[in-house]
C-alpha atoms as a PDB file:
ATOM      1  CA  MET A   1      45.541 -41.235 -28.116  1.00  0.00           C
ATOM      2  CA  TRP A   2      42.970 -39.107 -26.260  1.00  0.00           C
ATOM      3  CA  ARG A   3      39.663 -40.665 -25.138  1.00  0.00           C
ATOM      4  CA  TRP A   4      36.382 -39.255 -23.811  1.00  0.00           C
ATOM      5  CA  PRO A   5      35.861 -39.718 -20.087  1.00  0.00           C
ATOM      6  CA  ARG A   6      33.675 -42.670 -19.313  1.00  0.00           C
ATOM      7  CA  GLY A   7      31.524 -40.932 -16.626  1.00  0.00           C
ATOM      8  CA  PRO A   8      28.914 -38.240 -17.165  1.00  0.00           C
ATOM      9  CA  LEU A   9      30.159 -34.858 -18.258  1.00  0.00           C
ATOM     10  CA  ALA A  10      29.041 -31.953 -16.050  1.00  0.00           C
ATOM     11  CA  ILE A  11      29.048 -28.383 -17.293  1.00  0.00           C
ATOM     12  CA  ALA A  12      28.223 -25.391 -15.095  1.00  0.00           C
ATOM     13  CA  VAL A  13      27.352 -22.121 -16.809  1.00  0.00           C
ATOM     14  CA  THR A  14      26.677 -18.828 -15.052  1.00  0.00           C
ATOM     15  CA  LEU A  15      25.078 -16.032 -17.041  1.00  0.00           C
ATOM     16  CA  GLU A  16      25.178 -12.468 -15.832  1.00  0.00           C
ATOM     17  CA  PRO A  17      23.432  -9.593 -17.574  1.00  0.00           C
ATOM     18  CA  SER A  18      25.714  -7.289 -19.460  1.00  0.00           C
ATOM     19  CA  ASP A  19      25.878  -3.554 -18.802  1.00  0.00           C
ATOM     20  CA  GLU A  20      23.676  -2.968 -21.845  1.00  0.00           C
ATOM     21  CA  VAL A  21      20.987  -5.310 -20.503  1.00  0.00           C
ATOM     22  CA  LYS A  22      21.139  -3.615 -17.103  1.00  0.00           C
ATOM     23  CA  ALA A  23      20.784  -0.200 -18.735  1.00  0.00           C
ATOM     24  CA  LEU A  24      17.833  -1.392 -20.835  1.00  0.00           C
ATOM     25  CA  ARG A  25      16.126  -2.850 -17.768  1.00  0.00           C
ATOM     26  CA  ALA A  26      16.559   0.467 -15.962  1.00  0.00           C
ATOM     27  CA  ARG A  27      15.106   2.288 -18.979  1.00  0.00           C
ATOM     28  CA  VAL A  28      12.115  -0.077 -19.071  1.00  0.00           C
ATOM     29  CA  ALA A  29      11.501   0.510 -15.365  1.00  0.00           C
ATOM     30  CA  ALA A  30      11.651   4.290 -15.891  1.00  0.00           C
ATOM     31  CA  LEU A  31       9.228   4.056 -18.822  1.00  0.00           C
ATOM     32  CA  GLU A  32       6.833   1.910 -16.794  1.00  0.00           C
ATOM     33  CA  GLU A  33       6.873   4.533 -14.028  1.00  0.00           C
ATOM     34  CA  GLU A  34       6.173   7.233 -16.618  1.00  0.00           C
ATOM     35  CA  VAL A  35       3.239   5.234 -18.005  1.00  0.00           C
ATOM     36  CA  GLU A  36       1.763   4.848 -14.515  1.00  0.00           C
ATOM     37  CA  ARG A  37       2.140   8.587 -13.891  1.00  0.00           C
ATOM     38  CA  LEU A  38       0.457   9.396 -17.203  1.00  0.00           C
ATOM     39  CA  LYS A  39      -2.379   6.954 -16.496  1.00  0.00           C
ATOM     40  CA  ALA A  40      -3.014   8.640 -13.151  1.00  0.00           C
ATOM     41  CA  GLU A  41      -2.973  12.073 -14.789  1.00  0.00           C
ATOM     42  CA  TYR A  42      -5.323  10.875 -17.546  1.00  0.00           C
ATOM     43  CA  ASN A  43      -7.761   9.493 -14.973  1.00  0.00           C
ATOM     44  CA  ARG A  44      -7.697  12.784 -13.054  1.00  0.00           C
ATOM     45  CA  VAL A  45      -8.321  14.854 -16.206  1.00  0.00           C
ATOM     46  CA  GLU A  46     -11.057  12.485 -17.378  1.00  0.00           C
ATOM     47  CA  TYR A  47     -12.784  12.786 -13.990  1.00  0.00           C
ATOM     48  CA  LYS A  48     -12.593  16.595 -14.098  1.00  0.00           C
ATOM     49  CA  TYR A  49     -14.019  16.624 -17.634  1.00  0.00           C
ATOM     50  CA  LYS A  50     -16.843  14.311 -16.578  1.00  0.00           C
ATOM     51  CA  CYS A  51     -17.696  16.622 -13.675  1.00  0.00           C
ATOM     52  CA  GLU A  52     -17.643  19.634 -15.990  1.00  0.00           C
ATOM     53  CA  VAL A  53     -20.019  17.935 -18.425  1.00  0.00           C
ATOM     54  CA  ILE A  54     -22.459  17.058 -15.644  1.00  0.00           C
ATOM     55  CA  ILE A  55     -22.425  20.638 -14.336  1.00  0.00           C
ATOM     56  CA  ASN A  56     -22.956  22.061 -17.844  1.00  0.00           C
ATOM     57  CA  CYS A  57     -25.885  19.704 -18.462  1.00  0.00           C
ATOM     58  CA  GLU A  58     -27.476  20.751 -15.175  1.00  0.00           C
ATOM     59  CA  LEU A  59     -27.019  24.425 -16.077  1.00  0.00           C
ATOM     60  CA  VAL A  60     -28.616  23.925 -19.490  1.00  0.00           C
ATOM     61  CA  ASP A  61     -31.534  22.108 -17.858  1.00  0.00           C
ATOM     62  CA  LEU A  62     -31.982  24.940 -15.354  1.00  0.00           C
ATOM     63  CA  CYS A  63     -31.849  27.539 -18.137  1.00  0.00           C
ATOM     64  CA  ARG A  64     -34.503  25.652 -20.106  1.00  0.00           C
ATOM     65  CA  ALA A  65     -36.716  25.236 -17.052  1.00  0.00           C
ATOM     66  CA  HIS A  66     -36.610  28.970 -16.266  1.00  0.00           C
ATOM     67  CA  GLY A  67     -36.699  30.303 -19.834  1.00  0.00           C
ATOM     68  CA  VAL A  68     -33.172  31.706 -19.741  1.00  0.00           C
ATOM     69  CA  LYS A  69     -31.494  31.918 -23.140  1.00  0.00           C
ATOM     70  CA  TYR A  70     -28.162  30.186 -23.553  1.00  0.00           C
ATOM     71  CA  ARG A  71     -25.756  29.523 -26.367  1.00  0.00           C
ATOM     72  CA  PRO A  72     -27.219  27.039 -28.856  1.00  0.00           C
ATOM     73  CA  ALA A  73     -23.825  25.361 -29.094  1.00  0.00           C
ATOM     74  CA  LEU A  74     -24.376  23.976 -25.577  1.00  0.00           C
ATOM     75  CA  SER A  75     -27.214  21.816 -26.940  1.00  0.00           C
ATOM     76  CA  GLN A  76     -25.168  20.378 -29.808  1.00  0.00           C
ATOM     77  CA  ARG A  77     -22.434  17.814 -29.825  1.00  0.00           C
ATOM     78  CA  PRO A  78     -19.087  19.168 -31.036  1.00  0.00           C
ATOM     79  CA  TYR A  79     -18.574  16.151 -33.315  1.00  0.00           C
END
């Protein structure tokens, strides 16, 4: 009759990622790079828009100060 060994039982398990997991990790890395690129582009566009708004406000102020007519839409919010 078979019996369990009396000493402690040791089991060693090695897990390696499958090809699917490796492909998904590569896809996640590519998407993270894309997100960082888009964030940088968004920040650049936001900065340009902010500069444009400041310049337009200064122009409107100068027009008012010197009595130059300008489009009324420049004094109104678009929303």
